[in-house]
Amino acid sequence: MSPRRAVPFSISSAFTNSPFGGNPAAVVFFDSEADAKLDVDTLGKIAVNFQQPMTAFVYTSTKSEASAVAESSDSNTATFEIRWITPTATEVSICGHATLVAASAIFARGLVGAQITTLEFRGRMNGSIIRASKRPNGRFEISLPRSSTFSEKIPTGNAWLPMLRQFESPEIVFVGHGGPGFENYLLIELDLKGNKTLGEYEVDAEAFVSSPRQAG
């Protein structure tokens, strides 16, 4: 990409109907040929400048919409390549909310025709595929790839106390991590105490990042 060539981008939020709500993400639209050689270091610097929870890089084709549709198995689906970069310049293998934002931006910008109802995003990092479908009510739903989950040893003592304090110290039922391509994703099953549901808690993401992970 030439330093002087501008590329389109948008910033929007998933999971909300109001300004400043939901989970925001930036979406940058690259040309699949002209920008194919941009390395992850360059993409990371762009993501750092955006300072959004996630930046999605979507690769479109200059050969018109027909090429995107041709790569798919049906005429109602268009295919795009995508990468997800955090605001700390780390590439991740998947991000649901940024994919929803990307799908909304593609339809809003008219990058696909009226017959297209589903977008297939192919992750460049590990080949993961996410399908985002536009429903008749204008909302989107996504289909995420499935991965195996491998259990880890449940930590004892106070190792995870800062992370769990926000949930009023519930019992940890299960801890596991994802399989190939999703090793950095952690699954924690909690037995919550009291009448609160998980959605009623204000989750402290920094506590998760700083807590030690103990492999079993």
Protein backbone atom coordinates (compact mmCIF):
# COMPACT_ATOMS: atom_id res chain seq x y z
CA MET A 1 0.00 0.00 0.00
CA SER A 2 1.42 3.39 -0.97
CA PRO A 3 1.82 5.77 2.00
CA ARG A 4 -0.18 8.33 0.00
CA ARG A 5 -3.10 6.08 -0.93
CA ALA A 6 -6.14 6.42 1.28
CA VAL A 7 -8.23 3.35 2.14
CA PRO A 8 -11.83 3.40 3.40
CA PHE A 9 -12.63 2.51 6.98
CA SER A 10 -15.51 2.73 9.41
CA ILE A 11 -16.02 2.51 13.16
CA SER A 12 -19.22 1.10 14.59
CA SER A 13 -20.53 -0.98 17.48
CA ALA A 14 -22.15 -4.39 17.71
CA PHE A 15 -24.81 -5.41 20.23
CA THR A 16 -26.45 -2.00 20.61
CA ASN A 17 -29.10 0.33 19.19
CA SER A 18 -27.79 3.48 20.86
CA PRO A 19 -24.74 5.72 20.36
CA PHE A 20 -21.66 4.89 22.44
CA GLY A 21 -23.12 1.54 23.48
CA GLY A 22 -22.26 -2.04 22.66
CA ASN A 23 -18.85 -3.31 21.60
CA PRO A 24 -17.04 -1.09 19.06
CA ALA A 25 -14.63 -2.10 16.32
CA ALA A 26 -12.85 -0.45 13.42
CA VAL A 27 -13.09 -1.96 9.93
CA VAL A 28 -10.47 -1.22 7.29
CA PHE A 29 -11.16 -2.18 3.68
CA PHE A 30 -8.11 -3.35 1.75
CA ASP A 31 -7.75 -4.44 -1.84
CA SER A 32 -7.04 -8.18 -1.98
CA GLU A 33 -4.25 -7.68 -4.55
CA ALA A 34 -2.78 -4.24 -3.95
CA ASP A 35 -2.60 -4.67 -0.18
CA ALA A 36 -1.91 -8.41 -0.01
CA LYS A 37 1.73 -7.95 1.03
CA LEU A 38 1.11 -5.72 4.03
CA ASP A 39 2.73 -7.47 6.98
CA VAL A 40 1.24 -7.91 10.44
CA ASP A 41 3.58 -5.26 11.86
CA THR A 42 2.04 -2.62 9.57
CA LEU A 43 -1.48 -3.80 10.37
CA GLY A 44 -0.64 -3.68 14.06
CA LYS A 45 0.45 -0.05 13.81
CA ILE A 46 -2.82 0.82 12.10
CA ALA A 47 -4.78 -0.94 14.84
CA VAL A 48 -2.81 0.87 17.53
CA ASN A 49 -3.72 4.20 15.93
CA PHE A 50 -7.42 3.32 15.90
CA GLN A 51 -7.34 2.29 19.60
CA GLN A 52 -10.59 0.35 19.28
CA PRO A 53 -11.16 -2.94 21.15
CA MET A 54 -10.57 -4.66 17.79
CA THR A 55 -9.72 -3.69 14.23
CA ALA A 56 -10.90 -5.92 11.39
CA PHE A 57 -9.07 -5.80 8.07
CA VAL A 58 -11.35 -6.91 5.24
CA TYR A 59 -9.89 -7.75 1.85
CA THR A 60 -12.13 -6.86 -1.09
CA SER A 61 -11.51 -7.49 -4.78
CA THR A 62 -11.11 -4.93 -7.56
CA LYS A 63 -12.57 -7.51 -9.96
CA SER A 64 -16.12 -6.65 -8.89
CA GLU A 65 -18.60 -8.43 -6.68
CA ALA A 66 -18.82 -11.38 -9.11
CA SER A 67 -15.42 -12.68 -8.01
CA ALA A 68 -16.45 -12.69 -4.35
CA VAL A 69 -19.66 -14.54 -5.15
CA ALA A 70 -17.88 -17.01 -7.42
CA GLU A 71 -15.72 -18.23 -4.54
CA SER A 72 -18.81 -19.23 -2.59
CA SER A 73 -20.95 -22.32 -2.99
CA ASP A 74 -24.19 -20.39 -3.66
CA SER A 75 -25.30 -17.18 -5.33
CA ASN A 76 -26.62 -15.68 -2.08
CA THR A 77 -23.22 -15.73 -0.39
CA ALA A 78 -20.17 -13.52 -0.94
CA THR A 79 -16.73 -14.41 0.42
CA PHE A 80 -14.15 -12.06 1.95
CA GLU A 81 -10.83 -12.58 3.68
CA ILE A 82 -10.40 -11.00 7.09
CA ARG A 83 -7.82 -10.41 9.82
CA TRP A 84 -8.39 -9.25 13.40
CA ILE A 85 -5.82 -7.11 15.25
CA THR A 86 -6.06 -5.89 18.85
CA PRO A 87 -5.17 -2.32 19.95
CA THR A 88 -1.90 -3.75 21.29
CA ALA A 89 -0.95 -4.93 17.76
CA THR A 90 -1.65 -8.61 18.40
CA GLU A 91 -3.30 -10.68 15.69
CA VAL A 92 -5.98 -13.07 16.94
CA SER A 93 -7.55 -16.07 15.26
CA ILE A 94 -11.17 -14.96 15.57
CA CYS A 95 -13.35 -12.09 16.82
CA GLY A 96 -17.13 -12.27 16.71
CA HIS A 97 -18.15 -8.68 17.39
CA ALA A 98 -15.66 -7.20 14.90
CA THR A 99 -16.98 -9.59 12.26
CA LEU A 100 -20.52 -8.39 12.89
CA VAL A 101 -19.35 -4.80 12.52
CA ALA A 102 -17.54 -5.72 9.29
CA ALA A 103 -20.65 -7.42 7.89
CA SER A 104 -22.80 -4.39 8.67
CA ALA A 105 -20.25 -2.07 7.02
CA ILE A 106 -20.08 -4.20 3.86
CA PHE A 107 -23.85 -4.05 3.39
CA ALA A 108 -24.00 -0.36 4.31
CA ARG A 109 -21.33 0.51 1.74
CA GLY A 110 -23.06 -1.46 -0.99
CA LEU A 111 -20.10 -3.75 -1.57
CA VAL A 112 -22.46 -6.63 -2.40
CA GLY A 113 -25.66 -6.79 -4.42
CA ALA A 114 -29.24 -7.08 -3.24
CA GLN A 115 -29.30 -10.85 -3.75
CA ILE A 116 -26.55 -11.39 -1.17
CA THR A 117 -27.86 -12.34 2.27
CA THR A 118 -24.79 -14.11 3.73
CA LEU A 119 -21.14 -13.13 3.99
CA GLU A 120 -18.47 -15.75 4.47
CA PHE A 121 -15.35 -14.43 6.19
CA ARG A 122 -12.18 -16.51 5.90
CA GLY A 123 -9.58 -15.73 8.53
CA ARG A 124 -6.10 -15.30 7.10
CA MET A 125 -4.41 -16.37 10.33
CA ASN A 126 -5.64 -19.96 10.54
CA GLY A 127 -8.33 -20.38 7.91
CA SER A 128 -11.24 -20.11 10.34
CA ILE A 129 -14.58 -19.40 8.66
CA ILE A 130 -17.34 -17.20 10.06
CA ARG A 131 -20.64 -16.79 8.25
CA ALA A 132 -22.66 -13.64 8.89
CA SER A 133 -26.26 -13.61 7.67
CA LYS A 134 -28.51 -10.58 7.34
CA ARG A 135 -32.00 -11.33 8.64
CA PRO A 136 -35.23 -9.82 7.23
CA ASN A 137 -35.45 -7.53 10.30
CA GLY A 138 -32.08 -5.99 9.40
CA ARG A 139 -30.16 -7.68 12.18
CA PHE A 140 -27.20 -9.99 11.72
CA GLU A 141 -26.40 -13.39 13.13
CA ILE A 142 -23.10 -15.22 12.87
CA SER A 143 -22.05 -18.84 12.77
CA LEU A 144 -18.73 -19.42 14.54
CA PRO A 145 -16.31 -22.29 13.89
CA ARG A 146 -16.28 -25.11 16.40
CA SER A 147 -13.15 -26.05 18.32
CA SER A 148 -12.29 -28.75 20.81
CA THR A 149 -11.90 -27.72 24.44
CA PHE A 150 -9.14 -29.13 26.62
CA SER A 151 -9.47 -29.01 30.40
CA GLU A 152 -6.95 -27.34 32.67
CA LYS A 153 -6.26 -27.67 36.35
CA ILE A 154 -8.61 -25.51 38.39
CA PRO A 155 -6.43 -23.04 40.30
CA THR A 156 -6.33 -23.19 44.06
CA GLY A 157 -5.72 -20.57 46.70
CA ASN A 158 -5.77 -16.92 45.74
CA ALA A 159 -4.24 -17.23 42.25
CA TRP A 160 -7.38 -16.06 40.47
CA LEU A 161 -8.97 -14.11 43.29
CA PRO A 162 -8.67 -10.69 41.57
CA MET A 163 -10.43 -12.06 38.51
CA LEU A 164 -13.22 -13.83 40.40
CA ARG A 165 -13.93 -11.17 42.99
CA GLN A 166 -16.17 -9.40 40.47
CA PHE A 167 -18.43 -12.48 40.51
CA GLU A 168 -18.67 -12.55 44.33
CA SER A 169 -16.26 -15.51 44.58
CA PRO A 170 -18.30 -18.25 42.91
CA GLU A 171 -17.24 -21.86 42.63
CA ILE A 172 -15.15 -22.70 39.56
CA VAL A 173 -16.74 -25.71 37.86
CA PHE A 174 -14.53 -26.05 34.78
CA VAL A 175 -11.50 -24.38 33.18
CA GLY A 176 -10.40 -25.19 29.65
CA HIS A 177 -8.68 -23.75 26.60
CA GLY A 178 -9.35 -24.07 22.89
CA GLY A 179 -7.83 -26.54 20.47
CA PRO A 180 -5.51 -25.84 17.51
CA GLY A 181 -5.83 -22.24 16.39
CA PHE A 182 -7.69 -21.24 19.56
CA GLU A 183 -5.11 -22.05 22.25
CA ASN A 184 -5.26 -18.55 23.73
CA TYR A 185 -9.01 -18.69 24.32
CA LEU A 186 -10.02 -19.61 27.85
CA LEU A 187 -13.35 -21.10 28.93
CA ILE A 188 -14.38 -20.77 32.58
CA GLU A 189 -17.60 -22.28 33.90
CA LEU A 190 -18.79 -20.74 37.16
CA ASP A 191 -21.40 -21.69 39.73
CA LEU A 192 -22.77 -18.25 40.57
CA LYS A 193 -24.09 -17.53 44.03
CA GLY A 194 -27.17 -15.46 44.77
CA ASN A 195 -29.80 -14.26 42.32
CA LYS A 196 -27.59 -12.49 39.79
CA THR A 197 -27.06 -13.78 36.27
CA LEU A 198 -23.75 -13.48 34.45
CA GLY A 199 -25.14 -10.66 32.30
CA GLU A 200 -25.74 -8.52 35.39
CA TYR A 201 -22.06 -8.40 36.31
CA GLU A 202 -19.65 -5.71 35.15
CA VAL A 203 -16.78 -7.81 33.82
CA ASP A 204 -13.26 -6.57 34.54
CA ALA A 205 -11.34 -7.67 31.43
CA GLU A 206 -8.00 -6.46 32.82
CA ALA A 207 -8.33 -8.92 35.69
CA PHE A 208 -8.54 -11.76 33.18
CA VAL A 209 -5.46 -10.55 31.33
CA SER A 210 -3.32 -10.26 34.47
CA SER A 211 -4.41 -13.53 36.08
CA PRO A 212 -2.04 -16.49 35.77
CA ARG A 213 -3.00 -19.46 33.63
CA GLN A 214 -2.13 -22.87 35.01
CA ALA A 215 -2.07 -25.69 32.48
CA GLY A 216 -3.13 -29.11 33.67
